[in-house]
Amino acid sequence: LTATVTSPTTKAVIAEFLAKYPGSRHVQYDAVSYSSLLLANEATYGKKAIPSYHFDSAKVIVSLGADFLGTWLSPVEFARQYAAGRKINEQQPELSKHFQFESMLSLTGANADERFTHLPSAAGLVANALLAAVKGQEVNGVDGKLKKGILAAAEALNSHRGKALVVSGSTNVNVQVIVNAINEAVGANGNTINWSVPLQSFQGDDAAMEIGRAHV
C-alpha cells in the first residue's frame, strides 16, 4: 500500500517484491482522492488518467466546486496560468471570465467574477443543469439566482467554444462524467484540456483500497 508512485526506481522495486510473493498486489491510495475523476475519464474516454488543464488558454472558466487556486490538483501551476489570463495588454485586450459554483467560500471563489452558492447535495443538479443549458435544453432542478447564474455561464461557454473550460471538485463519478460531457460540448478537449500530457501526481484507486480493506 502506497500513495501514488511516479518514480521508475520505486516502481521497479515494487515489481520485484510482487514477483517474489505470488498473489500480492500493489494498491495506490491518495489521502486527497481524485479517484472519481480517473474513473469518469476512463468511462468517457477509455483513459484512466487526468489530463493537463490550461487555464491560460481559457476565455471562460466555470468551476463547479474546484478550488483550483487553493487546493485542487496543481494549484501553484493553475494560479500562474489563471493570472496570465487575467492580465490585459495589446495582445490580450480582454480578461478571462470566471464563474464559480460552490457550497463554501474558497480561495478560488473569492477571486471569481461571478460566484453562486448551493447546497452540497445539489452539486449533481448544478452540473446537470449546466449541461442542459449548454445544449439549449430546458433547465430543471434549480431556480432563482442559481438558475440565472447557470444560464449566464452556459451562454458564455457557448460563445467561446474552443476557449472554454469547466472543472469540478466533486468526488462523485457521475458528476465528473457530466462535466466531461460539458467540456466535449464546448470544445475544450485539445484546446484548454490536453490529453497528450497527463498529470501523474494522483493515480490512487479508492475501490482497490476498499476491496483490500474487506479482505483484512
N, C-alpha and C. Protein backbone atom coordinates (compact mmCIF):
# COMPACT_ATOMS: atom_id res chain seq x y z
N LEU A 1 0.85 -1.19 0.00
CA LEU A 1 0.00 0.00 0.00
C LEU A 1 0.88 1.23 0.00
N THR A 2 0.69 2.10 -1.01
CA THR A 2 1.47 3.34 -1.09
C THR A 2 0.57 4.46 -1.57
N ALA A 3 1.08 5.67 -1.47
CA ALA A 3 0.46 6.79 -2.18
C ALA A 3 0.85 6.63 -3.65
N THR A 4 0.45 7.57 -4.49
CA THR A 4 0.82 7.49 -5.91
C THR A 4 2.33 7.44 -6.06
N VAL A 5 2.80 6.49 -6.85
CA VAL A 5 4.23 6.32 -7.10
C VAL A 5 4.53 6.72 -8.54
N THR A 6 5.43 7.67 -8.73
CA THR A 6 5.83 8.09 -10.08
C THR A 6 7.28 7.75 -10.37
N SER A 7 8.05 7.39 -9.35
CA SER A 7 9.46 7.09 -9.53
C SER A 7 9.66 5.75 -10.23
N PRO A 8 10.36 5.70 -11.36
CA PRO A 8 10.64 4.43 -12.05
C PRO A 8 11.41 3.45 -11.17
N THR A 9 12.32 3.97 -10.36
CA THR A 9 13.11 3.11 -9.48
C THR A 9 12.23 2.45 -8.43
N THR A 10 11.36 3.25 -7.82
CA THR A 10 10.45 2.69 -6.81
C THR A 10 9.49 1.69 -7.43
N LYS A 11 9.00 1.99 -8.62
CA LYS A 11 8.11 1.05 -9.32
C LYS A 11 8.82 -0.27 -9.59
N ALA A 12 10.11 -0.22 -9.93
CA ALA A 12 10.88 -1.43 -10.20
C ALA A 12 11.03 -2.27 -8.94
N VAL A 13 11.28 -1.61 -7.81
CA VAL A 13 11.41 -2.31 -6.53
C VAL A 13 10.09 -2.99 -6.16
N ILE A 14 8.97 -2.27 -6.38
CA ILE A 14 7.65 -2.83 -6.08
C ILE A 14 7.37 -4.04 -6.98
N ALA A 15 7.74 -3.94 -8.24
CA ALA A 15 7.54 -5.04 -9.19
C ALA A 15 8.33 -6.28 -8.76
N GLU A 16 9.55 -6.07 -8.28
CA GLU A 16 10.37 -7.18 -7.80
C GLU A 16 9.74 -7.84 -6.58
N PHE A 17 9.20 -7.02 -5.70
CA PHE A 17 8.53 -7.53 -4.50
C PHE A 17 7.31 -8.37 -4.87
N LEU A 18 6.50 -7.85 -5.81
CA LEU A 18 5.29 -8.56 -6.22
C LEU A 18 5.64 -9.89 -6.90
N ALA A 19 6.72 -9.89 -7.67
CA ALA A 19 7.15 -11.11 -8.36
C ALA A 19 7.62 -12.17 -7.36
N LYS A 20 8.18 -11.73 -6.26
CA LYS A 20 8.70 -12.66 -5.24
C LYS A 20 7.59 -13.30 -4.43
N TYR A 21 6.46 -12.57 -4.30
CA TYR A 21 5.35 -13.07 -3.49
C TYR A 21 4.09 -13.20 -4.36
N PRO A 22 3.89 -14.34 -4.97
CA PRO A 22 2.71 -14.56 -5.85
C PRO A 22 1.41 -14.30 -5.09
N GLY A 23 0.47 -13.64 -5.78
CA GLY A 23 -0.81 -13.32 -5.17
C GLY A 23 -0.84 -11.96 -4.51
N SER A 24 0.31 -11.33 -4.37
CA SER A 24 0.36 -9.99 -3.79
C SER A 24 0.00 -8.95 -4.85
N ARG A 25 -0.36 -7.78 -4.45
CA ARG A 25 -0.68 -6.72 -5.40
C ARG A 25 -0.34 -5.36 -4.81
N HIS A 26 -0.22 -4.39 -5.68
CA HIS A 26 0.14 -3.02 -5.28
C HIS A 26 -1.10 -2.14 -5.35
N VAL A 27 -1.48 -1.55 -4.22
CA VAL A 27 -2.61 -0.63 -4.16
C VAL A 27 -2.09 0.77 -3.91
N GLN A 28 -2.48 1.71 -4.77
CA GLN A 28 -2.13 3.11 -4.58
C GLN A 28 -3.35 3.85 -4.03
N TYR A 29 -3.13 4.62 -2.97
CA TYR A 29 -4.24 5.34 -2.32
C TYR A 29 -3.75 6.73 -1.93
N ASP A 30 -4.48 7.73 -2.38
CA ASP A 30 -4.11 9.11 -2.07
C ASP A 30 -5.03 9.67 -1.00
N ALA A 31 -4.46 10.35 -0.01
CA ALA A 31 -5.24 10.91 1.09
C ALA A 31 -6.29 11.89 0.55
N VAL A 32 -5.91 12.68 -0.44
CA VAL A 32 -6.86 13.54 -1.15
C VAL A 32 -7.19 12.81 -2.45
N SER A 33 -8.40 12.30 -2.53
CA SER A 33 -8.74 11.40 -3.63
C SER A 33 -9.20 12.12 -4.90
N TYR A 34 -8.68 11.65 -6.03
CA TYR A 34 -9.16 12.07 -7.34
C TYR A 34 -9.61 10.85 -8.13
N SER A 35 -9.95 9.79 -7.39
CA SER A 35 -10.37 8.53 -8.00
C SER A 35 -11.59 8.71 -8.89
N SER A 36 -12.53 9.56 -8.45
CA SER A 36 -13.75 9.77 -9.25
C SER A 36 -13.43 10.40 -10.60
N LEU A 37 -12.45 11.29 -10.62
CA LEU A 37 -12.03 11.92 -11.88
C LEU A 37 -11.38 10.89 -12.80
N LEU A 38 -10.55 10.03 -12.23
CA LEU A 38 -9.91 8.97 -13.01
C LEU A 38 -10.94 8.01 -13.60
N LEU A 39 -11.90 7.59 -12.77
CA LEU A 39 -12.91 6.64 -13.22
C LEU A 39 -13.84 7.25 -14.26
N ALA A 40 -14.17 8.53 -14.08
CA ALA A 40 -15.03 9.22 -15.05
C ALA A 40 -14.33 9.33 -16.40
N ASN A 41 -13.04 9.64 -16.38
CA ASN A 41 -12.28 9.75 -17.63
C ASN A 41 -12.14 8.39 -18.31
N GLU A 42 -12.01 7.35 -17.49
CA GLU A 42 -11.95 6.00 -18.06
C GLU A 42 -13.27 5.64 -18.72
N ALA A 43 -14.38 5.99 -18.06
CA ALA A 43 -15.71 5.68 -18.61
C ALA A 43 -15.99 6.49 -19.87
N THR A 44 -15.55 7.74 -19.90
CA THR A 44 -15.84 8.63 -21.02
C THR A 44 -14.89 8.44 -22.19
N TYR A 45 -13.59 8.35 -21.88
CA TYR A 45 -12.58 8.35 -22.94
C TYR A 45 -11.77 7.05 -23.03
N GLY A 46 -11.99 6.13 -22.08
CA GLY A 46 -11.20 4.92 -22.07
C GLY A 46 -9.80 5.14 -21.56
N LYS A 47 -9.58 6.28 -20.88
CA LYS A 47 -8.25 6.61 -20.34
C LYS A 47 -8.37 6.86 -18.85
N LYS A 48 -7.78 6.00 -18.05
CA LYS A 48 -7.80 6.19 -16.60
C LYS A 48 -6.65 7.12 -16.23
N ALA A 49 -6.84 8.37 -16.54
CA ALA A 49 -5.79 9.38 -16.37
C ALA A 49 -6.42 10.75 -16.15
N ILE A 50 -5.60 11.68 -15.69
CA ILE A 50 -6.04 13.07 -15.51
C ILE A 50 -5.27 13.92 -16.51
N PRO A 51 -5.95 14.65 -17.38
CA PRO A 51 -5.25 15.44 -18.39
C PRO A 51 -4.64 16.71 -17.81
N SER A 52 -3.90 17.42 -18.63
CA SER A 52 -3.40 18.74 -18.25
C SER A 52 -4.49 19.76 -18.55
N TYR A 53 -4.64 20.72 -17.63
CA TYR A 53 -5.61 21.79 -17.83
C TYR A 53 -4.86 23.09 -18.10
N HIS A 54 -5.38 23.89 -19.05
CA HIS A 54 -4.71 25.14 -19.42
C HIS A 54 -5.66 26.32 -19.20
N PHE A 55 -5.63 26.82 -17.99
CA PHE A 55 -6.49 27.95 -17.64
C PHE A 55 -6.08 29.22 -18.38
N ASP A 56 -4.81 29.30 -18.79
CA ASP A 56 -4.34 30.47 -19.52
C ASP A 56 -4.89 30.53 -20.93
N SER A 57 -5.36 29.39 -21.45
CA SER A 57 -5.93 29.35 -22.80
C SER A 57 -7.44 29.54 -22.80
N ALA A 58 -8.03 29.62 -21.60
CA ALA A 58 -9.49 29.70 -21.48
C ALA A 58 -9.96 31.15 -21.34
N LYS A 59 -10.90 31.52 -22.18
CA LYS A 59 -11.53 32.84 -22.07
C LYS A 59 -12.72 32.79 -21.11
N VAL A 60 -13.26 31.59 -20.92
CA VAL A 60 -14.34 31.39 -19.95
C VAL A 60 -13.99 30.17 -19.10
N ILE A 61 -14.00 30.36 -17.80
CA ILE A 61 -13.71 29.29 -16.84
C ILE A 61 -14.91 29.10 -15.94
N VAL A 62 -15.41 27.88 -15.86
CA VAL A 62 -16.50 27.57 -14.95
C VAL A 62 -16.02 26.48 -14.01
N SER A 63 -16.04 26.78 -12.72
CA SER A 63 -15.62 25.80 -11.72
C SER A 63 -16.82 25.37 -10.90
N LEU A 64 -17.02 24.07 -10.83
CA LEU A 64 -18.09 23.50 -10.01
C LEU A 64 -17.46 22.93 -8.74
N GLY A 65 -17.16 23.83 -7.83
CA GLY A 65 -16.60 23.41 -6.55
C GLY A 65 -15.14 23.02 -6.57
N ALA A 66 -14.42 23.31 -7.64
CA ALA A 66 -12.99 23.00 -7.70
C ALA A 66 -12.20 24.23 -7.26
N ASP A 67 -11.48 24.11 -6.16
CA ASP A 67 -10.66 25.22 -5.65
C ASP A 67 -9.30 25.17 -6.32
N PHE A 68 -9.26 25.45 -7.61
CA PHE A 68 -8.04 25.25 -8.39
C PHE A 68 -6.94 26.27 -8.07
N LEU A 69 -7.27 27.34 -7.36
CA LEU A 69 -6.25 28.30 -6.93
C LEU A 69 -5.73 27.98 -5.54
N GLY A 70 -6.43 27.06 -4.83
CA GLY A 70 -6.05 26.78 -3.45
C GLY A 70 -5.62 25.36 -3.18
N THR A 71 -6.41 24.39 -3.61
CA THR A 71 -6.14 23.00 -3.21
C THR A 71 -6.29 21.97 -4.32
N TRP A 72 -6.97 22.28 -5.40
CA TRP A 72 -7.36 21.26 -6.39
C TRP A 72 -6.23 20.92 -7.36
N LEU A 73 -5.82 19.67 -7.37
CA LEU A 73 -4.83 19.11 -8.29
C LEU A 73 -3.46 19.80 -8.24
N SER A 74 -3.29 20.91 -8.94
CA SER A 74 -1.99 21.56 -9.05
C SER A 74 -2.15 23.08 -8.95
N PRO A 75 -2.52 23.58 -7.75
CA PRO A 75 -2.89 24.99 -7.61
C PRO A 75 -1.79 26.01 -7.93
N VAL A 76 -0.53 25.66 -7.67
CA VAL A 76 0.55 26.61 -7.97
C VAL A 76 0.64 26.81 -9.49
N GLU A 77 0.59 25.72 -10.23
CA GLU A 77 0.61 25.79 -11.70
C GLU A 77 -0.62 26.52 -12.21
N PHE A 78 -1.78 26.18 -11.68
CA PHE A 78 -3.03 26.78 -12.16
C PHE A 78 -3.10 28.27 -11.82
N ALA A 79 -2.56 28.66 -10.67
CA ALA A 79 -2.59 30.07 -10.28
C ALA A 79 -1.78 30.92 -11.26
N ARG A 80 -0.65 30.39 -11.72
CA ARG A 80 0.16 31.11 -12.71
C ARG A 80 -0.58 31.24 -14.04
N GLN A 81 -1.22 30.15 -14.44
CA GLN A 81 -1.99 30.17 -15.68
C GLN A 81 -3.16 31.15 -15.57
N TYR A 82 -3.86 31.08 -14.47
CA TYR A 82 -5.03 31.93 -14.24
C TYR A 82 -4.63 33.40 -14.27
N ALA A 83 -3.51 33.73 -13.62
CA ALA A 83 -3.03 35.11 -13.58
C ALA A 83 -2.71 35.62 -14.98
N ALA A 84 -2.16 34.73 -15.83
CA ALA A 84 -1.83 35.12 -17.20
C ALA A 84 -3.09 35.50 -17.97
N GLY A 85 -4.19 34.83 -17.70
CA GLY A 85 -5.44 35.12 -18.39
C GLY A 85 -6.18 36.32 -17.84
N ARG A 86 -5.68 36.84 -16.72
CA ARG A 86 -6.35 37.98 -16.08
C ARG A 86 -5.59 39.29 -16.28
N LYS A 87 -4.61 39.25 -17.17
CA LYS A 87 -3.83 40.46 -17.46
C LYS A 87 -4.24 41.03 -18.82
N ILE A 88 -4.42 42.32 -18.86
CA ILE A 88 -4.78 42.98 -20.11
C ILE A 88 -3.54 43.62 -20.74
N ASN A 89 -3.32 43.35 -22.03
CA ASN A 89 -2.26 44.00 -22.77
C ASN A 89 -2.68 44.09 -24.23
N GLU A 90 -1.79 44.55 -25.10
CA GLU A 90 -2.16 44.72 -26.51
C GLU A 90 -2.50 43.39 -27.17
N GLN A 91 -1.78 42.34 -26.78
CA GLN A 91 -2.05 41.04 -27.36
C GLN A 91 -3.30 40.39 -26.77
N GLN A 92 -3.64 40.79 -25.55
CA GLN A 92 -4.80 40.22 -24.86
C GLN A 92 -5.64 41.36 -24.26
N PRO A 93 -6.50 41.94 -25.04
CA PRO A 93 -7.27 43.11 -24.58
C PRO A 93 -8.47 42.75 -23.71
N GLU A 94 -8.73 41.45 -23.52
CA GLU A 94 -9.92 41.03 -22.78
C GLU A 94 -9.57 40.04 -21.67
N LEU A 95 -10.10 40.28 -20.47
CA LEU A 95 -9.88 39.37 -19.35
C LEU A 95 -10.67 38.09 -19.54
N SER A 96 -10.16 37.01 -18.97
CA SER A 96 -10.95 35.77 -18.94
C SER A 96 -12.12 35.98 -17.98
N LYS A 97 -13.20 35.25 -18.20
CA LYS A 97 -14.40 35.34 -17.37
C LYS A 97 -14.48 34.09 -16.51
N HIS A 98 -14.67 34.27 -15.21
CA HIS A 98 -14.64 33.16 -14.27
C HIS A 98 -15.94 33.07 -13.48
N PHE A 99 -16.65 31.94 -13.64
CA PHE A 99 -17.85 31.64 -12.87
C PHE A 99 -17.51 30.55 -11.85
N GLN A 100 -17.93 30.75 -10.61
CA GLN A 100 -17.69 29.75 -9.57
C GLN A 100 -19.02 29.34 -8.93
N PHE A 101 -19.27 28.04 -8.92
CA PHE A 101 -20.44 27.48 -8.24
C PHE A 101 -19.92 26.59 -7.12
N GLU A 102 -20.29 26.91 -5.87
CA GLU A 102 -19.74 26.17 -4.75
C GLU A 102 -20.64 26.24 -3.52
N SER A 103 -20.33 25.41 -2.54
CA SER A 103 -21.12 25.36 -1.31
C SER A 103 -20.49 26.16 -0.18
N MET A 104 -19.17 26.26 -0.20
CA MET A 104 -18.45 27.02 0.82
C MET A 104 -17.45 27.96 0.14
N LEU A 105 -17.17 29.07 0.77
CA LEU A 105 -16.25 30.04 0.19
C LEU A 105 -14.84 29.45 0.11
N SER A 106 -14.27 29.51 -1.08
CA SER A 106 -12.90 29.03 -1.30
C SER A 106 -12.05 30.18 -1.80
N LEU A 107 -10.73 29.97 -1.85
CA LEU A 107 -9.83 30.98 -2.40
C LEU A 107 -10.20 31.26 -3.85
N THR A 108 -10.52 30.21 -4.59
CA THR A 108 -10.90 30.37 -5.99
C THR A 108 -12.21 31.14 -6.12
N GLY A 109 -13.18 30.80 -5.28
CA GLY A 109 -14.46 31.50 -5.30
C GLY A 109 -14.32 32.98 -4.98
N ALA A 110 -13.40 33.29 -4.09
CA ALA A 110 -13.18 34.70 -3.71
C ALA A 110 -12.61 35.51 -4.85
N ASN A 111 -12.00 34.85 -5.83
CA ASN A 111 -11.40 35.55 -6.98
C ASN A 111 -12.30 35.54 -8.21
N ALA A 112 -13.45 34.88 -8.12
CA ALA A 112 -14.32 34.74 -9.28
C ALA A 112 -15.01 36.05 -9.65
N ASP A 113 -15.33 36.19 -10.93
CA ASP A 113 -16.13 37.33 -11.38
C ASP A 113 -17.57 37.17 -10.94
N GLU A 114 -18.06 35.94 -11.04
CA GLU A 114 -19.43 35.62 -10.65
C GLU A 114 -19.40 34.39 -9.75
N ARG A 115 -19.98 34.49 -8.58
CA ARG A 115 -19.97 33.37 -7.64
C ARG A 115 -21.39 33.05 -7.20
N PHE A 116 -21.74 31.77 -7.25
CA PHE A 116 -23.09 31.34 -6.88
C PHE A 116 -22.98 30.17 -5.91
N THR A 117 -23.81 30.17 -4.88
CA THR A 117 -23.75 29.13 -3.87
C THR A 117 -24.95 28.18 -3.97
N HIS A 118 -24.73 26.98 -3.48
CA HIS A 118 -25.79 25.96 -3.47
C HIS A 118 -25.50 24.97 -2.36
N LEU A 119 -26.47 24.15 -2.00
CA LEU A 119 -26.27 23.11 -1.01
C LEU A 119 -25.29 22.06 -1.55
N PRO A 120 -24.49 21.45 -0.68
CA PRO A 120 -23.58 20.39 -1.15
C PRO A 120 -24.32 19.28 -1.88
N SER A 121 -25.52 18.98 -1.45
CA SER A 121 -26.30 17.91 -2.07
C SER A 121 -26.79 18.25 -3.47
N ALA A 122 -26.67 19.52 -3.86
CA ALA A 122 -27.16 19.96 -5.17
C ALA A 122 -26.06 19.98 -6.23
N ALA A 123 -24.87 19.49 -5.92
CA ALA A 123 -23.76 19.53 -6.88
C ALA A 123 -24.11 18.83 -8.19
N GLY A 124 -24.76 17.69 -8.10
CA GLY A 124 -25.16 16.95 -9.29
C GLY A 124 -26.20 17.70 -10.09
N LEU A 125 -27.15 18.33 -9.40
CA LEU A 125 -28.19 19.11 -10.08
C LEU A 125 -27.59 20.27 -10.85
N VAL A 126 -26.62 20.94 -10.24
CA VAL A 126 -25.98 22.09 -10.89
C VAL A 126 -25.24 21.65 -12.14
N ALA A 127 -24.48 20.55 -12.05
CA ALA A 127 -23.74 20.05 -13.21
C ALA A 127 -24.70 19.65 -14.33
N ASN A 128 -25.77 18.97 -13.97
CA ASN A 128 -26.74 18.52 -14.97
C ASN A 128 -27.46 19.70 -15.61
N ALA A 129 -27.78 20.71 -14.79
CA ALA A 129 -28.44 21.90 -15.30
C ALA A 129 -27.53 22.66 -16.27
N LEU A 130 -26.24 22.72 -15.94
CA LEU A 130 -25.30 23.42 -16.83
C LEU A 130 -25.18 22.69 -18.16
N LEU A 131 -25.14 21.37 -18.12
CA LEU A 131 -25.07 20.59 -19.36
C LEU A 131 -26.32 20.84 -20.21
N ALA A 132 -27.48 20.84 -19.57
CA ALA A 132 -28.73 21.09 -20.30
C ALA A 132 -28.72 22.48 -20.93
N ALA A 133 -28.27 23.47 -20.16
CA ALA A 133 -28.23 24.85 -20.66
C ALA A 133 -27.28 25.00 -21.83
N VAL A 134 -26.12 24.35 -21.75
CA VAL A 134 -25.13 24.40 -22.83
C VAL A 134 -25.70 23.79 -24.11
N LYS A 135 -26.52 22.74 -23.94
CA LYS A 135 -27.12 22.07 -25.10
C LYS A 135 -28.42 22.74 -25.56
N GLY A 136 -28.82 23.82 -24.89
CA GLY A 136 -30.03 24.52 -25.29
C GLY A 136 -31.30 23.83 -24.85
N GLN A 137 -31.19 22.96 -23.85
CA GLN A 137 -32.35 22.24 -23.34
C GLN A 137 -32.93 22.94 -22.12
N GLU A 138 -34.11 22.48 -21.70
CA GLU A 138 -34.76 23.07 -20.54
C GLU A 138 -33.96 22.77 -19.28
N VAL A 139 -33.80 23.78 -18.44
CA VAL A 139 -33.03 23.64 -17.20
C VAL A 139 -33.99 23.37 -16.05
N ASN A 140 -33.79 22.22 -15.39
CA ASN A 140 -34.65 21.83 -14.28
C ASN A 140 -33.84 21.62 -13.01
N GLY A 141 -34.53 21.65 -11.87
CA GLY A 141 -33.90 21.32 -10.60
C GLY A 141 -33.25 22.48 -9.88
N VAL A 142 -33.15 23.64 -10.53
CA VAL A 142 -32.57 24.83 -9.91
C VAL A 142 -33.46 26.03 -10.21
N ASP A 143 -33.36 27.06 -9.39
CA ASP A 143 -34.16 28.25 -9.63
C ASP A 143 -33.46 29.49 -9.06
N GLY A 144 -34.11 30.62 -9.16
CA GLY A 144 -33.59 31.87 -8.60
C GLY A 144 -32.26 32.29 -9.17
N LYS A 145 -31.40 32.85 -8.30
CA LYS A 145 -30.09 33.35 -8.71
C LYS A 145 -29.22 32.23 -9.28
N LEU A 146 -29.36 31.06 -8.70
CA LEU A 146 -28.54 29.93 -9.15
C LEU A 146 -28.85 29.58 -10.60
N LYS A 147 -30.12 29.56 -10.94
CA LYS A 147 -30.51 29.25 -12.33
C LYS A 147 -30.02 30.34 -13.28
N LYS A 148 -30.16 31.61 -12.87
CA LYS A 148 -29.68 32.70 -13.70
C LYS A 148 -28.18 32.60 -13.92
N GLY A 149 -27.45 32.20 -12.86
CA GLY A 149 -26.01 32.04 -12.99
C GLY A 149 -25.64 30.92 -13.94
N ILE A 150 -26.35 29.82 -13.87
CA ILE A 150 -26.10 28.69 -14.76
C ILE A 150 -26.36 29.07 -16.21
N LEU A 151 -27.46 29.78 -16.45
CA LEU A 151 -27.78 30.21 -17.81
C LEU A 151 -26.74 31.18 -18.34
N ALA A 152 -26.26 32.08 -17.48
CA ALA A 152 -25.23 33.04 -17.89
C ALA A 152 -23.92 32.32 -18.20
N ALA A 153 -23.56 31.34 -17.36
CA ALA A 153 -22.33 30.58 -17.58
C ALA A 153 -22.41 29.78 -18.88
N ALA A 154 -23.57 29.18 -19.14
CA ALA A 154 -23.76 28.39 -20.36
C ALA A 154 -23.64 29.27 -21.60
N GLU A 155 -24.22 30.45 -21.53
CA GLU A 155 -24.14 31.38 -22.67
C GLU A 155 -22.70 31.78 -22.94
N ALA A 156 -21.94 32.05 -21.87
CA ALA A 156 -20.54 32.43 -22.02
C ALA A 156 -19.72 31.28 -22.59
N LEU A 157 -19.98 30.07 -22.12
CA LEU A 157 -19.27 28.89 -22.63
C LEU A 157 -19.53 28.69 -24.12
N ASN A 158 -20.79 28.79 -24.49
CA ASN A 158 -21.15 28.60 -25.90
C ASN A 158 -20.59 29.69 -26.80
N SER A 159 -20.40 30.87 -26.24
CA SER A 159 -19.86 31.99 -27.02
C SER A 159 -18.35 31.89 -27.21
N HIS A 160 -17.72 30.99 -26.45
CA HIS A 160 -16.26 30.86 -26.53
C HIS A 160 -15.87 29.39 -26.71
N ARG A 161 -16.53 28.71 -27.63
CA ARG A 161 -16.20 27.31 -27.89
C ARG A 161 -14.73 27.18 -28.32
N GLY A 162 -14.07 26.20 -27.74
CA GLY A 162 -12.65 26.00 -28.01
C GLY A 162 -11.77 26.80 -27.09
N LYS A 163 -12.35 27.78 -26.41
CA LYS A 163 -11.60 28.59 -25.45
C LYS A 163 -12.34 28.64 -24.11
N ALA A 164 -12.98 27.54 -23.79
CA ALA A 164 -13.75 27.44 -22.55
C ALA A 164 -13.27 26.22 -21.77
N LEU A 165 -13.46 26.25 -20.46
CA LEU A 165 -13.01 25.16 -19.61
C LEU A 165 -13.93 25.03 -18.41
N VAL A 166 -14.36 23.80 -18.14
CA VAL A 166 -15.18 23.50 -16.97
C VAL A 166 -14.45 22.46 -16.12
N VAL A 167 -14.32 22.73 -14.82
CA VAL A 167 -13.66 21.79 -13.92
C VAL A 167 -14.57 21.57 -12.71
N SER A 168 -14.41 20.42 -12.06
CA SER A 168 -15.25 20.08 -10.91
C SER A 168 -14.42 19.44 -9.82
N GLY A 169 -14.71 19.81 -8.59
CA GLY A 169 -14.03 19.21 -7.45
C GLY A 169 -14.82 18.06 -6.85
N SER A 170 -15.88 17.63 -7.51
CA SER A 170 -16.75 16.58 -6.97
C SER A 170 -16.01 15.24 -6.88
N THR A 171 -16.36 14.46 -5.84
CA THR A 171 -15.83 13.11 -5.70
C THR A 171 -16.85 12.08 -6.20
N ASN A 172 -17.86 12.55 -6.90
CA ASN A 172 -18.88 11.68 -7.47
C ASN A 172 -18.56 11.41 -8.94
N VAL A 173 -18.43 10.15 -9.30
CA VAL A 173 -18.07 9.78 -10.68
C VAL A 173 -19.08 10.31 -11.68
N ASN A 174 -20.37 10.21 -11.34
CA ASN A 174 -21.42 10.65 -12.27
C ASN A 174 -21.33 12.14 -12.56
N VAL A 175 -21.00 12.94 -11.55
CA VAL A 175 -20.86 14.39 -11.75
C VAL A 175 -19.68 14.65 -12.69
N GLN A 176 -18.58 13.94 -12.50
CA GLN A 176 -17.41 14.14 -13.35
C GLN A 176 -17.69 13.70 -14.79
N VAL A 177 -18.53 12.70 -14.97
CA VAL A 177 -18.92 12.28 -16.33
C VAL A 177 -19.72 13.39 -17.00
N ILE A 178 -20.61 14.04 -16.23
CA ILE A 178 -21.39 15.16 -16.77
C ILE A 178 -20.46 16.31 -17.17
N VAL A 179 -19.48 16.59 -16.33
CA VAL A 179 -18.51 17.66 -16.64
C VAL A 179 -17.75 17.33 -17.92
N ASN A 180 -17.39 16.07 -18.10
CA ASN A 180 -16.74 15.66 -19.36
C ASN A 180 -17.63 15.96 -20.56
N ALA A 181 -18.92 15.70 -20.40
CA ALA A 181 -19.87 15.97 -21.49
C ALA A 181 -19.96 17.46 -21.79
N ILE A 182 -19.90 18.29 -20.76
CA ILE A 182 -19.94 19.74 -20.96
C ILE A 182 -18.70 20.19 -21.72
N ASN A 183 -17.53 19.70 -21.30
CA ASN A 183 -16.29 20.07 -21.97
C ASN A 183 -16.27 19.61 -23.42
N GLU A 184 -16.86 18.45 -23.68
CA GLU A 184 -16.98 17.98 -25.07
C GLU A 184 -17.84 18.96 -25.87
N ALA A 185 -18.95 19.39 -25.27
CA ALA A 185 -19.90 20.27 -25.96
C ALA A 185 -19.30 21.63 -26.29
N VAL A 186 -18.37 22.12 -25.44
CA VAL A 186 -17.81 23.46 -25.65
C VAL A 186 -16.43 23.42 -26.30
N GLY A 187 -16.00 22.24 -26.74
CA GLY A 187 -14.74 22.13 -27.48
C GLY A 187 -13.49 22.31 -26.65
N ALA A 188 -13.54 21.88 -25.39
CA ALA A 188 -12.38 22.07 -24.52
C ALA A 188 -11.24 21.10 -24.83
N ASN A 189 -11.60 19.85 -25.16
CA ASN A 189 -10.57 18.84 -25.41
C ASN A 189 -9.72 19.20 -26.63
N GLY A 190 -8.41 19.17 -26.42
CA GLY A 190 -7.48 19.54 -27.48
C GLY A 190 -7.16 21.01 -27.48
N ASN A 191 -7.82 21.77 -26.64
CA ASN A 191 -7.57 23.21 -26.54
C ASN A 191 -7.21 23.60 -25.10
N THR A 192 -8.21 23.69 -24.25
CA THR A 192 -7.92 24.01 -22.85
C THR A 192 -7.65 22.76 -22.02
N ILE A 193 -7.92 21.59 -22.60
CA ILE A 193 -7.61 20.31 -21.96
C ILE A 193 -6.69 19.52 -22.88
N ASN A 194 -5.57 19.08 -22.34
CA ASN A 194 -4.55 18.39 -23.15
C ASN A 194 -4.35 16.97 -22.63
N TRP A 195 -4.74 15.99 -23.45
CA TRP A 195 -4.62 14.59 -23.06
C TRP A 195 -3.25 14.01 -23.38
N SER A 196 -2.45 14.72 -24.15
CA SER A 196 -1.13 14.18 -24.53
C SER A 196 -0.11 14.29 -23.39
N VAL A 197 -0.42 15.15 -22.41
CA VAL A 197 0.48 15.30 -21.26
C VAL A 197 -0.34 15.12 -19.99
N PRO A 198 -0.63 13.88 -19.60
CA PRO A 198 -1.46 13.64 -18.42
C PRO A 198 -0.73 13.97 -17.12
N LEU A 199 -1.50 14.32 -16.11
CA LEU A 199 -0.96 14.60 -14.78
C LEU A 199 -0.72 13.26 -14.08
N GLN A 200 0.49 13.04 -13.59
CA GLN A 200 0.85 11.75 -13.00
C GLN A 200 0.77 11.74 -11.47
N SER A 201 0.47 12.87 -10.86
CA SER A 201 0.58 13.00 -9.40
C SER A 201 -0.45 12.23 -8.61
N PHE A 202 -1.60 11.93 -9.22
CA PHE A 202 -2.68 11.26 -8.49
C PHE A 202 -3.19 10.07 -9.30
N GLN A 203 -2.88 8.86 -8.83
CA GLN A 203 -3.31 7.64 -9.50
C GLN A 203 -4.00 6.68 -8.53
N GLY A 204 -4.34 7.19 -7.35
CA GLY A 204 -4.95 6.35 -6.32
C GLY A 204 -6.28 5.77 -6.75
N ASP A 205 -6.54 4.54 -6.29
CA ASP A 205 -7.78 3.83 -6.64
C ASP A 205 -8.54 3.52 -5.35
N ASP A 206 -9.58 4.29 -5.07
CA ASP A 206 -10.35 4.10 -3.85
C ASP A 206 -11.00 2.73 -3.79
N ALA A 207 -11.49 2.25 -4.92
CA ALA A 207 -12.15 0.95 -4.97
C ALA A 207 -11.20 -0.17 -4.59
N ALA A 208 -9.97 -0.11 -5.09
CA ALA A 208 -8.98 -1.13 -4.76
C ALA A 208 -8.66 -1.10 -3.27
N MET A 209 -8.66 0.08 -2.68
CA MET A 209 -8.41 0.21 -1.25
C MET A 209 -9.56 -0.42 -0.47
N GLU A 210 -10.78 -0.20 -0.90
CA GLU A 210 -11.95 -0.78 -0.22
C GLU A 210 -11.94 -2.30 -0.29
N ILE A 211 -11.58 -2.85 -1.44
CA ILE A 211 -11.50 -4.30 -1.62
C ILE A 211 -10.44 -4.89 -0.67
N GLY A 212 -9.30 -4.21 -0.62
CA GLY A 212 -8.23 -4.68 0.25
C GLY A 212 -8.66 -4.65 1.71
N ARG A 213 -9.40 -3.63 2.09
CA ARG A 213 -9.87 -3.50 3.47
C ARG A 213 -10.85 -4.62 3.80
N ALA A 214 -11.67 -5.01 2.82
CA ALA A 214 -12.66 -6.06 3.04
C ALA A 214 -12.00 -7.41 3.26
N HIS A 215 -10.79 -7.59 2.70
CA HIS A 215 -10.09 -8.87 2.80
C HIS A 215 -9.31 -9.00 4.10
N VAL A 216 -9.15 -7.90 4.83
CA VAL A 216 -8.37 -7.95 6.07
C VAL A 216 -9.13 -8.73 7.13
